[in-house]
Amino acid sequence: MEKKRTPSHRIRMLVRKSHSGFHPKNDSYKWFLLGNIMLGTFMAVLDATIVNVGLPKIMASFGVGLDKIEWVITAYMLAMAVMLPTSGWLADKFGYKKMYFIGLVLFTLGSMLCGMSKNEDMLIMSRIIQGLGAGTIQPLGMAIITREFPPSQRGIALGFWSISAAASVSFGPLIGGFLIDSFNWQLIFDVNVPFGILAMLFTLVIQSEYINTRLRKFDWVGFISVTIFLPLTLYVLSEGNAATNSSGWHTPYLLAFAAIALIAFVVFLTAEFTVDEPLLDLRLLKNHNFGISNVILIIFSIGMFGSTFLMPVFLQNSLGYTALQAGSVFLPVGIIQGIMAPISGKISDKVNPKIPIILGVVLLSFSFYLNSKLSWMTELNSIMASLYLRGFSMGLIFTALQTISLIEIPRDKMAQASAINNSIRQLGGSLGVALLATLLTTRITYHTQVFGTSVRQNSEIYQKTINGLKYHIQYDAGSSPSNAARQGQSLLLSNLGKQAYIDGINDDFLLAGLITLVGVIPIFFLHTKKSKLQKITAHE
């Protein structure tokens, strides 16, 4: 008589089958799998950068301002921040192949819906779906590579995987600019659909399944509370000074949302520090180096992501660059960063990790200061000099900071530490975009009011300026005297509005520089003495 198979027996049989695929007879299996993971990672990271150059066209298409369109970026980053620590548990529960495939489905579906969006609200919702997919693809891709490759080949495999992420950072704005100029902004999302379908087919054909039999409990309290806290906090930040909100920060619904966000944050912290198996093991932040490094990371991310969001908008709206021209200026940033990263690692090993981190933060802050001097007359060489400096500084910071942050973390806690790092980087980036977009709206209004009060219609300078414009329009453009007078006034007001916009951008870059410079302070408190670190690692 055949024994009745229980669900647990079927799971064990599935796991045995999956383990037979871990060491396939054909040694090329894992390299085909790496190619598929690189394709998914390239797409996920690409859509975090490609959309930046499309913002001016999207704003014009929907007739909305920066305070609304910023959510096209922050919605994607928030969805990723929520999924980064969650995807690992879901993969352990339902299978890595299945969840990676679902991540590709969500990302591809979100991309298709983004291209079909008829208004900004649909686009933002579609970006959330995209972000949920990207937040599943990225961490699971790294976990799959780490598991499939033996230690002797793991370094080169992760190196190739990192190349796919770095390449998308460098080429994302360039590809986006080409698609927007040659076709339309919808294509920066539609282009993902065929590649997403291809990646899904590869996943079904190539990848073997794996389910972790040692499944930890899911932290529902932490998941729900952080899902409430993050979007509400950023919504309050972005809506406080939005053009559509006349009451400002005292609006009743904003105060209610702020209170709910605060309660959710307290619940999240309480859960993560008390439950046995938290969503994010925040107790790791008690580790001296890891805690301080994450403070530096969130400060660094605010300036880095916020400035990346600002530059394409300025180039296209103020200097008249095409999307392709605006995207091409970012190409050297990732290349320089990739060259400097291993150099920073060598400096960290031979001298002191603080040196490249401090130098990188100071140079990054200085690059933002250079951008705070932008004007209509800014030459391309000046813009590129600041971006070269930015790539150089980011290459110095990342490797050294990653090395020093994880050196005191036990090996069995590395996965949780990586999840915290990635989530904090996404959170810092979301805060940076929301903060600088809100400030930009406020400062544009401020400068417009200042310029408006400075214009005195009875003054001699104003009359000379208007008469000069009237003469130019009347005799060079062929307008009638009455039309020339009105057009001259409109031209003057338009010029003042553009100057207020540029001054607002400059204020944003200056703030980004100041925030980044603050990141130097906690660096001095990091432990870097080799004797001390050796004692710590010896006890692991």
Protein backbone atom coordinates (compact mmCIF):
# COMPACT_ATOMS: atom_id res chain seq x y z
CA MET A 1 0.00 0.00 0.00
CA GLU A 2 1.46 3.37 -1.04
CA LYS A 3 2.03 5.82 1.75
CA LYS A 4 0.12 9.07 1.60
CA ARG A 5 2.50 11.93 0.85
CA THR A 6 2.20 14.86 3.22
CA PRO A 7 2.87 18.48 2.17
CA SER A 8 6.16 18.44 4.13
CA HIS A 9 7.23 15.28 2.27
CA ARG A 10 6.50 16.95 -1.08
CA ILE A 11 8.57 19.99 -0.03
CA ARG A 12 11.50 17.75 0.89
CA MET A 13 11.26 16.00 -2.47
CA LEU A 14 11.21 19.37 -4.25
CA VAL A 15 14.26 20.49 -2.29
CA ARG A 16 16.11 17.28 -3.23
CA LYS A 17 15.30 17.89 -6.88
CA SER A 18 16.48 21.48 -6.58
CA HIS A 19 19.73 20.37 -4.95
CA SER A 20 20.40 18.08 -7.91
CA GLY A 21 20.35 21.21 -10.04
CA PHE A 22 22.90 23.01 -7.86
CA HIS A 23 25.77 20.93 -9.20
CA PRO A 24 24.66 20.06 -12.75
CA LYS A 25 26.76 17.85 -14.95
CA ASN A 26 27.23 20.67 -17.42
CA ASP A 27 29.62 23.16 -15.83
CA SER A 28 28.39 25.96 -18.11
CA TYR A 29 25.02 26.03 -16.29
CA LYS A 30 26.05 28.56 -13.68
CA TRP A 31 27.52 30.91 -16.32
CA PHE A 32 24.26 30.89 -18.29
CA LEU A 33 22.48 31.58 -15.02
CA LEU A 34 24.86 34.48 -14.31
CA GLY A 35 24.04 35.98 -17.74
CA ASN A 36 20.33 35.83 -16.95
CA ILE A 37 20.82 37.44 -13.52
CA MET A 38 22.95 40.19 -15.09
CA LEU A 39 20.16 40.94 -17.57
CA GLY A 40 17.59 41.33 -14.77
CA THR A 41 19.94 43.44 -12.64
CA PHE A 42 20.80 45.70 -15.58
CA MET A 43 17.11 46.42 -16.21
CA ALA A 44 16.28 47.01 -12.53
CA VAL A 45 19.15 49.44 -11.91
CA LEU A 46 18.68 51.08 -15.32
CA ASP A 47 15.16 52.23 -14.47
CA ALA A 48 16.41 53.94 -11.32
CA THR A 49 18.51 56.31 -13.49
CA ILE A 50 16.99 56.35 -16.98
CA VAL A 51 13.88 58.24 -15.89
CA ASN A 52 15.82 61.29 -14.65
CA VAL A 53 16.42 62.66 -18.15
CA GLY A 54 12.76 62.09 -19.03
CA LEU A 55 11.31 64.20 -16.21
CA PRO A 56 11.10 67.52 -18.17
CA LYS A 57 9.22 65.82 -21.04
CA ILE A 58 6.93 63.96 -18.63
CA MET A 59 6.20 67.22 -16.76
CA ALA A 60 5.34 68.95 -20.04
CA SER A 61 3.24 66.00 -21.23
CA PHE A 62 1.08 65.90 -18.10
CA GLY A 63 1.24 69.63 -17.29
CA VAL A 64 2.45 69.11 -13.71
CA GLY A 65 5.21 70.64 -11.59
CA LEU A 66 8.29 69.20 -9.96
CA ASP A 67 6.53 68.73 -6.61
CA LYS A 68 4.25 66.13 -8.24
CA ILE A 69 6.61 64.50 -10.72
CA GLU A 70 9.24 63.77 -8.04
CA TRP A 71 7.03 60.83 -7.01
CA VAL A 72 7.90 59.12 -10.29
CA ILE A 73 11.35 58.62 -8.73
CA THR A 74 10.52 58.31 -5.03
CA ALA A 75 7.68 55.78 -5.59
CA TYR A 76 10.13 53.46 -7.36
CA MET A 77 12.77 53.84 -4.65
CA LEU A 78 10.28 53.38 -1.81
CA ALA A 79 8.86 50.19 -3.31
CA MET A 80 12.41 48.88 -3.66
CA ALA A 81 13.21 49.82 -0.05
CA VAL A 82 10.22 47.81 1.19
CA MET A 83 10.98 44.74 -0.95
CA LEU A 84 14.75 44.55 -0.38
CA PRO A 85 14.49 43.04 3.13
CA THR A 86 11.26 41.15 2.33
CA SER A 87 12.23 39.31 -0.84
CA GLY A 88 14.68 36.99 0.94
CA TRP A 89 11.98 35.60 3.25
CA LEU A 90 9.54 35.19 0.36
CA ALA A 91 12.20 33.30 -1.63
CA ASP A 92 12.93 31.01 1.34
CA LYS A 93 9.20 30.34 1.66
CA PHE A 94 8.12 29.91 -1.97
CA GLY A 95 11.37 29.25 -3.84
CA TYR A 96 14.11 31.41 -5.32
CA LYS A 97 13.30 30.64 -8.94
CA LYS A 98 9.61 31.34 -8.41
CA MET A 99 10.16 34.65 -6.62
CA TYR A 100 12.83 35.81 -9.09
CA PHE A 101 10.38 35.03 -11.91
CA ILE A 102 7.60 36.93 -10.10
CA GLY A 103 9.99 39.87 -9.68
CA LEU A 104 10.59 39.90 -13.45
CA VAL A 105 6.83 39.69 -14.08
CA LEU A 106 6.13 42.68 -11.78
CA PHE A 107 8.96 44.71 -13.29
CA THR A 108 7.88 43.97 -16.88
CA LEU A 109 4.19 44.59 -16.12
CA GLY A 110 5.05 47.84 -14.35
CA SER A 111 7.17 48.95 -17.32
CA MET A 112 4.31 48.25 -19.74
CA LEU A 113 1.84 50.17 -17.56
CA CYS A 114 4.28 53.11 -17.27
CA GLY A 115 4.39 53.37 -21.06
CA MET A 116 0.58 53.27 -21.22
CA SER A 117 0.07 55.91 -18.50
CA LYS A 118 -2.31 58.72 -19.44
CA ASN A 119 -1.70 60.84 -16.33
CA GLU A 120 0.85 61.27 -13.57
CA ASP A 121 -1.14 59.26 -11.00
CA MET A 122 -1.21 56.17 -13.21
CA LEU A 123 2.50 56.60 -13.91
CA ILE A 124 3.32 56.78 -10.18
CA MET A 125 1.25 53.66 -9.43
CA SER A 126 2.94 51.84 -12.30
CA ARG A 127 6.34 52.85 -10.94
CA ILE A 128 5.40 51.27 -7.59
CA ILE A 129 4.75 47.96 -9.39
CA GLN A 130 8.08 48.37 -11.18
CA GLY A 131 9.87 49.07 -7.89
CA LEU A 132 8.37 45.98 -6.23
CA GLY A 133 9.77 43.91 -9.07
CA ALA A 134 13.20 45.60 -8.97
CA GLY A 135 13.36 45.20 -5.18
CA THR A 136 12.88 41.46 -5.69
CA ILE A 137 15.26 41.04 -8.64
CA GLN A 138 18.33 42.75 -7.15
CA PRO A 139 18.79 40.98 -3.78
CA LEU A 140 17.69 37.57 -5.06
CA GLY A 141 20.04 37.85 -8.03
CA MET A 142 22.99 38.34 -5.70
CA ALA A 143 21.83 35.50 -3.41
CA ILE A 144 21.42 33.09 -6.34
CA ILE A 145 24.92 33.87 -7.66
CA THR A 146 26.46 33.48 -4.20
CA ARG A 147 24.79 30.09 -3.74
CA GLU A 148 25.43 28.66 -7.22
CA PHE A 149 29.11 29.57 -7.56
CA PRO A 150 31.80 27.89 -5.45
CA PRO A 151 34.01 30.17 -3.32
CA SER A 152 36.85 29.93 -5.85
CA GLN A 153 34.65 31.45 -8.60
CA ARG A 154 32.36 33.61 -6.50
CA GLY A 155 34.54 36.72 -6.68
CA ILE A 156 34.65 36.86 -10.47
CA ALA A 157 30.92 36.06 -10.70
CA LEU A 158 29.99 38.89 -8.32
CA GLY A 159 32.40 41.12 -10.25
CA PHE A 160 30.47 40.50 -13.49
CA TRP A 161 27.21 41.05 -11.63
CA SER A 162 28.52 44.40 -10.32
CA ILE A 163 29.53 45.40 -13.86
CA SER A 164 25.93 45.02 -15.03
CA ALA A 165 24.77 47.37 -12.23
CA ALA A 166 27.56 49.91 -12.86
CA ALA A 167 26.95 49.86 -16.62
CA SER A 168 23.28 50.71 -16.15
CA VAL A 169 24.22 53.69 -13.95
CA SER A 170 26.53 55.08 -16.64
CA PHE A 171 24.48 54.25 -19.72
CA GLY A 172 20.98 54.73 -18.25
CA PRO A 173 20.73 58.51 -18.77
CA LEU A 174 22.40 58.20 -22.21
CA ILE A 175 20.01 55.49 -23.40
CA GLY A 176 17.06 57.39 -21.96
CA GLY A 177 18.10 60.59 -23.70
CA PHE A 178 18.44 58.85 -27.07
CA LEU A 179 15.02 57.20 -26.80
CA ILE A 180 13.29 60.42 -25.73
CA ASP A 181 14.87 62.57 -28.47
CA SER A 182 14.43 60.00 -31.23
CA PHE A 183 10.99 58.69 -30.24
CA ASN A 184 9.08 59.61 -27.03
CA TRP A 185 9.40 59.35 -23.24
CA GLN A 186 7.10 56.30 -23.11
CA LEU A 187 9.78 54.23 -24.84
CA ILE A 188 12.16 54.46 -21.86
CA PHE A 189 9.68 52.13 -20.14
CA ASP A 190 8.43 50.14 -23.15
CA VAL A 191 11.97 49.04 -24.01
CA ASN A 192 12.00 46.92 -20.84
CA VAL A 193 9.08 44.76 -21.97
CA PRO A 194 10.81 42.56 -24.62
CA PHE A 195 13.93 42.20 -22.47
CA GLY A 196 11.78 41.36 -19.43
CA ILE A 197 9.94 38.66 -21.37
CA LEU A 198 13.28 37.29 -22.56
CA ALA A 199 14.60 37.20 -18.98
CA MET A 200 11.44 35.37 -17.85
CA LEU A 201 11.90 32.71 -20.56
CA PHE A 202 15.57 32.28 -19.59
CA THR A 203 14.58 31.93 -15.93
CA LEU A 204 12.02 29.21 -16.72
CA VAL A 205 14.42 27.27 -18.95
CA ILE A 206 17.77 27.72 -17.17
CA GLN A 207 17.26 28.19 -13.44
CA SER A 208 16.67 25.31 -11.01
CA GLU A 209 14.43 25.77 -7.98
CA TYR A 210 15.56 26.02 -4.38
CA ILE A 211 13.46 26.29 -1.21
CA ASN A 212 15.08 26.87 2.16
CA THR A 213 13.87 24.28 4.69
CA ARG A 214 14.95 26.46 7.64
CA LEU A 215 12.31 29.16 7.30
CA ARG A 216 12.24 31.95 9.85
CA LYS A 217 9.03 33.66 10.98
CA PHE A 218 7.91 36.68 8.99
CA ASP A 219 7.87 39.98 10.86
CA TRP A 220 4.41 41.22 9.88
CA VAL A 221 4.44 44.06 12.43
CA GLY A 222 7.74 45.41 11.08
CA PHE A 223 6.63 45.01 7.46
CA ILE A 224 3.27 46.76 7.88
CA SER A 225 4.64 49.59 10.04
CA VAL A 226 7.55 50.43 7.71
CA THR A 227 5.20 50.25 4.69
CA ILE A 228 3.02 52.89 6.37
CA PHE A 229 5.88 55.03 7.69
CA LEU A 230 7.98 55.49 4.51
CA PRO A 231 5.38 56.75 1.99
CA LEU A 232 3.51 58.91 4.50
CA THR A 233 6.73 60.60 5.66
CA LEU A 234 7.81 61.45 2.12
CA TYR A 235 4.29 62.55 1.20
CA VAL A 236 4.24 65.01 4.09
CA LEU A 237 7.70 66.31 3.12
CA SER A 238 6.73 66.83 -0.52
CA GLU A 239 3.24 68.27 0.08
CA GLY A 240 4.17 70.75 2.83
CA ASN A 241 5.19 73.44 0.35
CA ALA A 242 3.54 72.09 -2.79
CA ALA A 243 1.93 74.59 -5.16
CA THR A 244 -1.41 72.77 -4.79
CA ASN A 245 -1.36 73.12 -0.99
CA SER A 246 -2.22 76.70 0.01
CA SER A 247 -2.30 76.00 3.77
CA GLY A 248 1.27 74.71 3.96
CA TRP A 249 2.45 72.53 6.84
CA HIS A 250 -0.63 73.33 8.96
CA THR A 251 -3.02 71.48 6.65
CA PRO A 252 -5.10 69.12 8.85
CA TYR A 253 -4.65 66.03 6.67
CA LEU A 254 -0.85 66.55 6.57
CA LEU A 255 -0.73 66.83 10.36
CA ALA A 256 -2.79 63.62 10.61
CA PHE A 257 -0.48 61.80 8.17
CA ALA A 258 2.58 63.04 10.10
CA ALA A 259 1.11 61.68 13.35
CA ILE A 260 0.33 58.30 11.75
CA ALA A 261 3.85 58.15 10.27
CA LEU A 262 5.39 58.90 13.67
CA ILE A 263 3.32 56.19 15.36
CA ALA A 264 4.24 53.69 12.61
CA PHE A 265 7.92 54.57 13.04
CA VAL A 266 7.78 53.97 16.80
CA VAL A 267 6.00 50.64 16.23
CA PHE A 268 8.61 49.64 13.64
CA LEU A 269 11.55 50.44 15.94
CA THR A 270 9.91 48.64 18.86
CA ALA A 271 9.28 45.54 16.75
CA GLU A 272 12.74 45.40 15.19
CA PHE A 273 14.50 45.68 18.54
CA THR A 274 12.29 43.19 20.40
CA VAL A 275 11.14 40.35 18.09
CA ASP A 276 13.37 37.29 17.67
CA GLU A 277 13.41 37.38 13.86
CA PRO A 278 12.95 41.01 12.70
CA LEU A 279 12.40 42.18 9.14
CA LEU A 280 15.55 44.28 9.48
CA ASP A 281 17.82 43.34 12.37
CA LEU A 282 18.38 46.91 13.56
CA ARG A 283 20.25 45.55 16.56
CA LEU A 284 23.20 45.33 14.17
CA LEU A 285 23.27 49.13 14.23
CA LYS A 286 24.55 48.84 17.79
CA ASN A 287 27.78 47.61 16.23
CA HIS A 288 30.06 50.64 16.36
CA ASN A 289 31.39 50.74 12.80
CA PHE A 290 28.22 49.45 11.15
CA GLY A 291 25.99 51.98 12.91
CA ILE A 292 28.21 54.97 12.15
CA SER A 293 28.76 53.83 8.55
CA ASN A 294 25.01 53.78 7.96
CA VAL A 295 24.69 57.30 9.33
CA ILE A 296 27.32 58.35 6.78
CA LEU A 297 25.53 56.37 4.06
CA ILE A 298 22.16 58.04 4.58
CA ILE A 299 23.78 61.52 4.60
CA PHE A 300 25.74 60.64 1.48
CA SER A 301 22.65 59.22 -0.30
CA ILE A 302 20.57 62.35 0.34
CA GLY A 303 23.04 64.53 -1.56
CA MET A 304 23.94 62.00 -4.26
CA PHE A 305 20.42 60.94 -5.33
CA GLY A 306 18.99 64.43 -4.88
CA SER A 307 21.64 66.02 -7.10
CA THR A 308 21.28 63.32 -9.77
CA PHE A 309 17.60 64.21 -9.89
CA LEU A 310 18.31 67.97 -10.24
CA MET A 311 21.00 68.14 -12.94
CA PRO A 312 19.01 66.78 -15.94
CA VAL A 313 16.10 69.10 -15.06
CA PHE A 314 18.42 72.12 -15.03
CA LEU A 315 20.21 71.18 -18.26
CA GLN A 316 16.99 70.75 -20.22
CA ASN A 317 14.76 73.43 -18.70
CA SER A 318 17.38 76.18 -18.26
CA LEU A 319 20.16 75.56 -20.79
CA GLY A 320 17.99 74.03 -23.51
CA TYR A 321 19.86 70.72 -23.73
CA THR A 322 18.15 67.84 -25.47
CA ALA A 323 17.45 64.72 -23.42
CA LEU A 324 20.32 62.93 -25.18
CA GLN A 325 22.75 65.76 -24.43
CA ALA A 326 21.62 65.85 -20.79
CA GLY A 327 22.01 62.08 -20.48
CA SER A 328 25.44 61.98 -22.11
CA VAL A 329 27.04 64.19 -19.44
CA PHE A 330 26.54 61.40 -16.88
CA LEU A 331 28.38 58.75 -18.91
CA PRO A 332 31.85 59.44 -17.40
CA VAL A 333 30.54 59.39 -13.81
CA GLY A 334 30.05 55.63 -13.61
CA ILE A 335 33.24 54.92 -15.58
CA ILE A 336 35.39 57.06 -13.26
CA GLN A 337 33.65 55.55 -10.24
CA GLY A 338 34.41 52.03 -11.52
CA ILE A 339 38.09 52.89 -12.03
CA MET A 340 38.46 54.48 -8.59
CA ALA A 341 36.65 51.76 -6.61
CA PRO A 342 39.50 49.19 -6.61
CA ILE A 343 42.06 51.96 -6.00
CA SER A 344 40.07 53.01 -2.94
CA GLY A 345 40.08 49.38 -1.78
CA LYS A 346 43.89 49.20 -2.01
CA ILE A 347 44.27 52.47 -0.11
CA SER A 348 41.95 51.11 2.58
CA ASP A 349 43.98 47.90 2.91
CA LYS A 350 47.41 49.55 3.00
CA VAL A 351 46.82 52.84 4.79
CA ASN A 352 43.57 53.81 6.53
CA PRO A 353 39.98 53.53 5.21
CA LYS A 354 39.17 56.95 6.70
CA ILE A 355 41.49 58.68 4.22
CA PRO A 356 39.59 57.82 0.99
CA ILE A 357 36.21 58.28 2.73
CA ILE A 358 37.03 61.76 4.06
CA LEU A 359 38.66 62.81 0.79
CA GLY A 360 35.68 61.48 -1.18
CA VAL A 361 33.07 63.23 0.99
CA VAL A 362 34.93 66.56 0.86
CA LEU A 363 35.36 66.35 -2.94
CA LEU A 364 31.72 65.33 -3.41
CA SER A 365 30.61 68.28 -1.31
CA PHE A 366 32.88 70.57 -3.34
CA SER A 367 31.34 69.29 -6.60
CA PHE A 368 27.91 70.31 -5.26
CA TYR A 369 29.32 73.72 -4.35
CA LEU A 370 30.55 74.14 -7.94
CA ASN A 371 27.03 73.34 -9.14
CA SER A 372 25.60 76.02 -6.85
CA LYS A 373 27.19 78.61 -9.20
CA LEU A 374 25.19 77.61 -12.28
CA SER A 375 23.80 80.25 -14.63
CA TRP A 376 22.58 80.71 -18.21
CA MET A 377 26.19 81.25 -19.22
CA THR A 378 27.60 78.06 -17.64
CA GLU A 379 29.81 76.22 -20.11
CA LEU A 380 29.72 72.46 -20.65
CA ASN A 381 33.33 72.15 -19.44
CA SER A 382 32.37 73.56 -16.04
CA ILE A 383 29.46 71.14 -15.72
CA MET A 384 31.62 68.17 -16.75
CA ALA A 385 34.38 69.15 -14.30
CA SER A 386 31.92 68.89 -11.40
CA LEU A 387 30.65 65.52 -12.66
CA TYR A 388 34.18 64.14 -13.13
CA LEU A 389 34.84 65.15 -9.55
CA ARG A 390 31.61 63.47 -8.46
CA GLY A 391 32.52 60.14 -10.09
CA PHE A 392 36.01 60.30 -8.60
CA SER A 393 34.66 61.00 -5.10
CA MET A 394 31.96 58.30 -5.21
CA GLY A 395 34.56 55.73 -6.26
CA LEU A 396 36.64 56.70 -3.23
CA ILE A 397 33.72 56.53 -0.80
CA PHE A 398 31.80 53.36 -1.68
CA THR A 399 34.45 50.64 -1.44
CA ALA A 400 36.17 52.00 1.66
CA LEU A 401 32.88 52.63 3.48
CA GLN A 402 31.54 49.16 2.62
CA THR A 403 34.77 47.55 3.84
CA ILE A 404 34.91 49.35 7.15
CA SER A 405 31.17 49.00 7.86
CA LEU A 406 31.11 45.19 7.60
CA ILE A 407 34.46 44.33 9.16
CA GLU A 408 32.98 43.92 12.65
CA ILE A 409 29.84 42.04 11.48
CA PRO A 410 29.75 38.24 12.06
CA ARG A 411 29.52 36.17 8.88
CA ASP A 412 26.09 34.75 9.72
CA LYS A 413 24.72 38.31 9.94
CA MET A 414 26.11 39.49 6.58
CA ALA A 415 22.82 39.00 4.71
CA GLN A 416 20.90 41.10 7.24
CA ALA A 417 23.64 43.75 7.23
CA SER A 418 23.50 43.95 3.43
CA ALA A 419 19.69 44.31 3.56
CA ILE A 420 20.00 47.19 6.05
CA ASN A 421 22.66 48.88 3.90
CA ASN A 422 20.56 48.66 0.75
CA SER A 423 17.36 49.78 2.47
CA ILE A 424 19.07 52.76 4.10
CA ARG A 425 20.63 53.79 0.78
CA GLN A 426 17.20 53.71 -0.90
CA LEU A 427 15.61 55.55 2.04
CA GLY A 428 18.33 58.21 1.94
CA GLY A 429 17.86 58.62 -1.80
CA SER A 430 14.08 58.96 -1.41
CA LEU A 431 14.53 61.56 1.33
CA GLY A 432 17.06 63.41 -0.84
CA VAL A 433 14.72 63.64 -3.82
CA ALA A 434 11.73 64.67 -1.65
CA LEU A 435 13.75 67.19 0.37
CA LEU A 436 15.46 68.89 -2.58
CA ALA A 437 12.30 68.91 -4.72
CA THR A 438 10.36 70.54 -1.87
CA LEU A 439 13.15 73.06 -1.28
CA LEU A 440 13.33 73.86 -4.99
CA THR A 441 9.63 74.76 -5.09
CA THR A 442 10.03 76.93 -1.97
CA ARG A 443 13.15 78.73 -3.19
CA ILE A 444 11.74 79.40 -6.66
CA THR A 445 8.73 81.06 -5.00
CA TYR A 446 11.05 83.04 -2.71
CA HIS A 447 13.29 84.30 -5.52
CA THR A 448 10.28 85.13 -7.69
CA GLN A 449 8.86 87.28 -4.88
CA VAL A 450 12.22 88.98 -4.31
CA PHE A 451 12.59 89.78 -8.02
CA GLY A 452 8.96 90.90 -8.17
CA THR A 453 9.39 93.41 -5.35
CA SER A 454 12.63 94.65 -6.91
CA VAL A 455 10.91 95.57 -10.18
CA ARG A 456 9.62 99.13 -9.87
CA GLN A 457 7.70 100.23 -12.93
CA ASN A 458 8.35 103.93 -12.25
CA SER A 459 12.11 103.51 -11.94
CA GLU A 460 14.46 104.82 -14.64
CA ILE A 461 16.18 101.43 -15.07
CA TYR A 462 12.86 99.63 -15.60
CA GLN A 463 11.71 102.15 -18.17
CA LYS A 464 15.00 101.94 -20.08
CA THR A 465 14.85 98.14 -20.10
CA ILE A 466 11.24 98.07 -21.31
CA ASN A 467 11.91 100.68 -23.99
CA GLY A 468 14.93 98.73 -25.20
CA LEU A 469 12.90 95.52 -25.43
CA LYS A 470 10.04 97.36 -27.11
CA TYR A 471 12.37 98.86 -29.70
CA HIS A 472 13.95 95.46 -30.40
CA ILE A 473 10.59 93.68 -30.78
CA GLN A 474 9.04 96.46 -32.85
CA TYR A 475 11.85 96.96 -35.36
CA ASP A 476 13.49 93.51 -35.42
CA ALA A 477 10.41 91.31 -35.01
CA GLY A 478 7.95 93.58 -36.82
CA SER A 479 5.36 93.95 -34.02
CA SER A 480 3.09 96.96 -33.65
CA PRO A 481 4.02 99.50 -30.92
CA SER A 482 1.23 98.39 -28.57
CA ASN A 483 2.03 94.67 -29.01
CA ALA A 484 5.76 95.34 -28.66
CA ALA A 485 5.19 97.03 -25.26
CA ARG A 486 3.18 94.07 -23.93
CA GLN A 487 5.62 91.53 -25.36
CA GLY A 488 8.54 93.44 -23.81
CA GLN A 489 6.93 93.23 -20.37
CA SER A 490 6.19 89.51 -20.84
CA LEU A 491 9.78 88.91 -21.94
CA LEU A 492 11.12 90.68 -18.85
CA LEU A 493 8.84 88.73 -16.49
CA SER A 494 9.75 85.48 -18.25
CA ASN A 495 13.43 86.25 -17.83
CA LEU A 496 12.94 86.94 -14.11
CA GLY A 497 11.04 83.64 -13.73
CA LYS A 498 13.87 81.69 -15.41
CA GLN A 499 16.44 83.39 -13.19
CA ALA A 500 14.39 82.54 -10.09
CA TYR A 501 14.33 78.91 -11.27
CA ILE A 502 18.13 78.81 -11.68
CA ASP A 503 18.65 80.46 -8.28
CA GLY A 504 16.38 77.82 -6.73
CA ILE A 505 18.47 75.06 -8.36
CA ASN A 506 21.64 76.70 -7.01
CA ASP A 507 20.19 76.82 -3.48
CA ASP A 508 19.39 73.10 -3.76
CA PHE A 509 22.93 72.19 -4.80
CA LEU A 510 24.35 74.32 -1.98
CA LEU A 511 22.16 72.50 0.55
CA ALA A 512 23.22 69.13 -0.92
CA GLY A 513 26.85 70.18 -0.47
CA LEU A 514 26.32 71.26 3.14
CA ILE A 515 24.44 68.05 4.02
CA THR A 516 27.18 65.94 2.43
CA LEU A 517 29.92 67.86 4.25
CA VAL A 518 28.23 67.04 7.57
CA GLY A 519 29.02 63.41 6.75
CA VAL A 520 32.70 64.09 7.51
CA ILE A 521 31.98 64.40 11.26
CA PRO A 522 30.96 60.77 12.01
CA ILE A 523 33.88 59.41 9.93
CA PHE A 524 36.33 60.42 12.67
CA PHE A 525 34.55 58.10 15.14
CA LEU A 526 35.05 54.94 13.04
CA HIS A 527 37.38 52.23 14.36
CA THR A 528 40.26 51.72 11.93
CA LYS A 529 43.18 50.54 14.06
CA LYS A 530 44.27 47.23 12.56
CA SER A 531 45.16 45.67 15.90
CA LYS A 532 41.66 46.34 17.23
CA LEU A 533 39.92 45.06 14.11
CA GLN A 534 42.07 41.94 14.06
CA LYS A 535 40.99 41.15 17.63
CA ILE A 536 37.35 41.59 16.64
CA THR A 537 37.55 39.37 13.57
CA ALA A 538 39.55 36.75 15.48
CA HIS A 539 36.57 36.13 17.77
CA GLU A 540 34.14 35.50 14.88
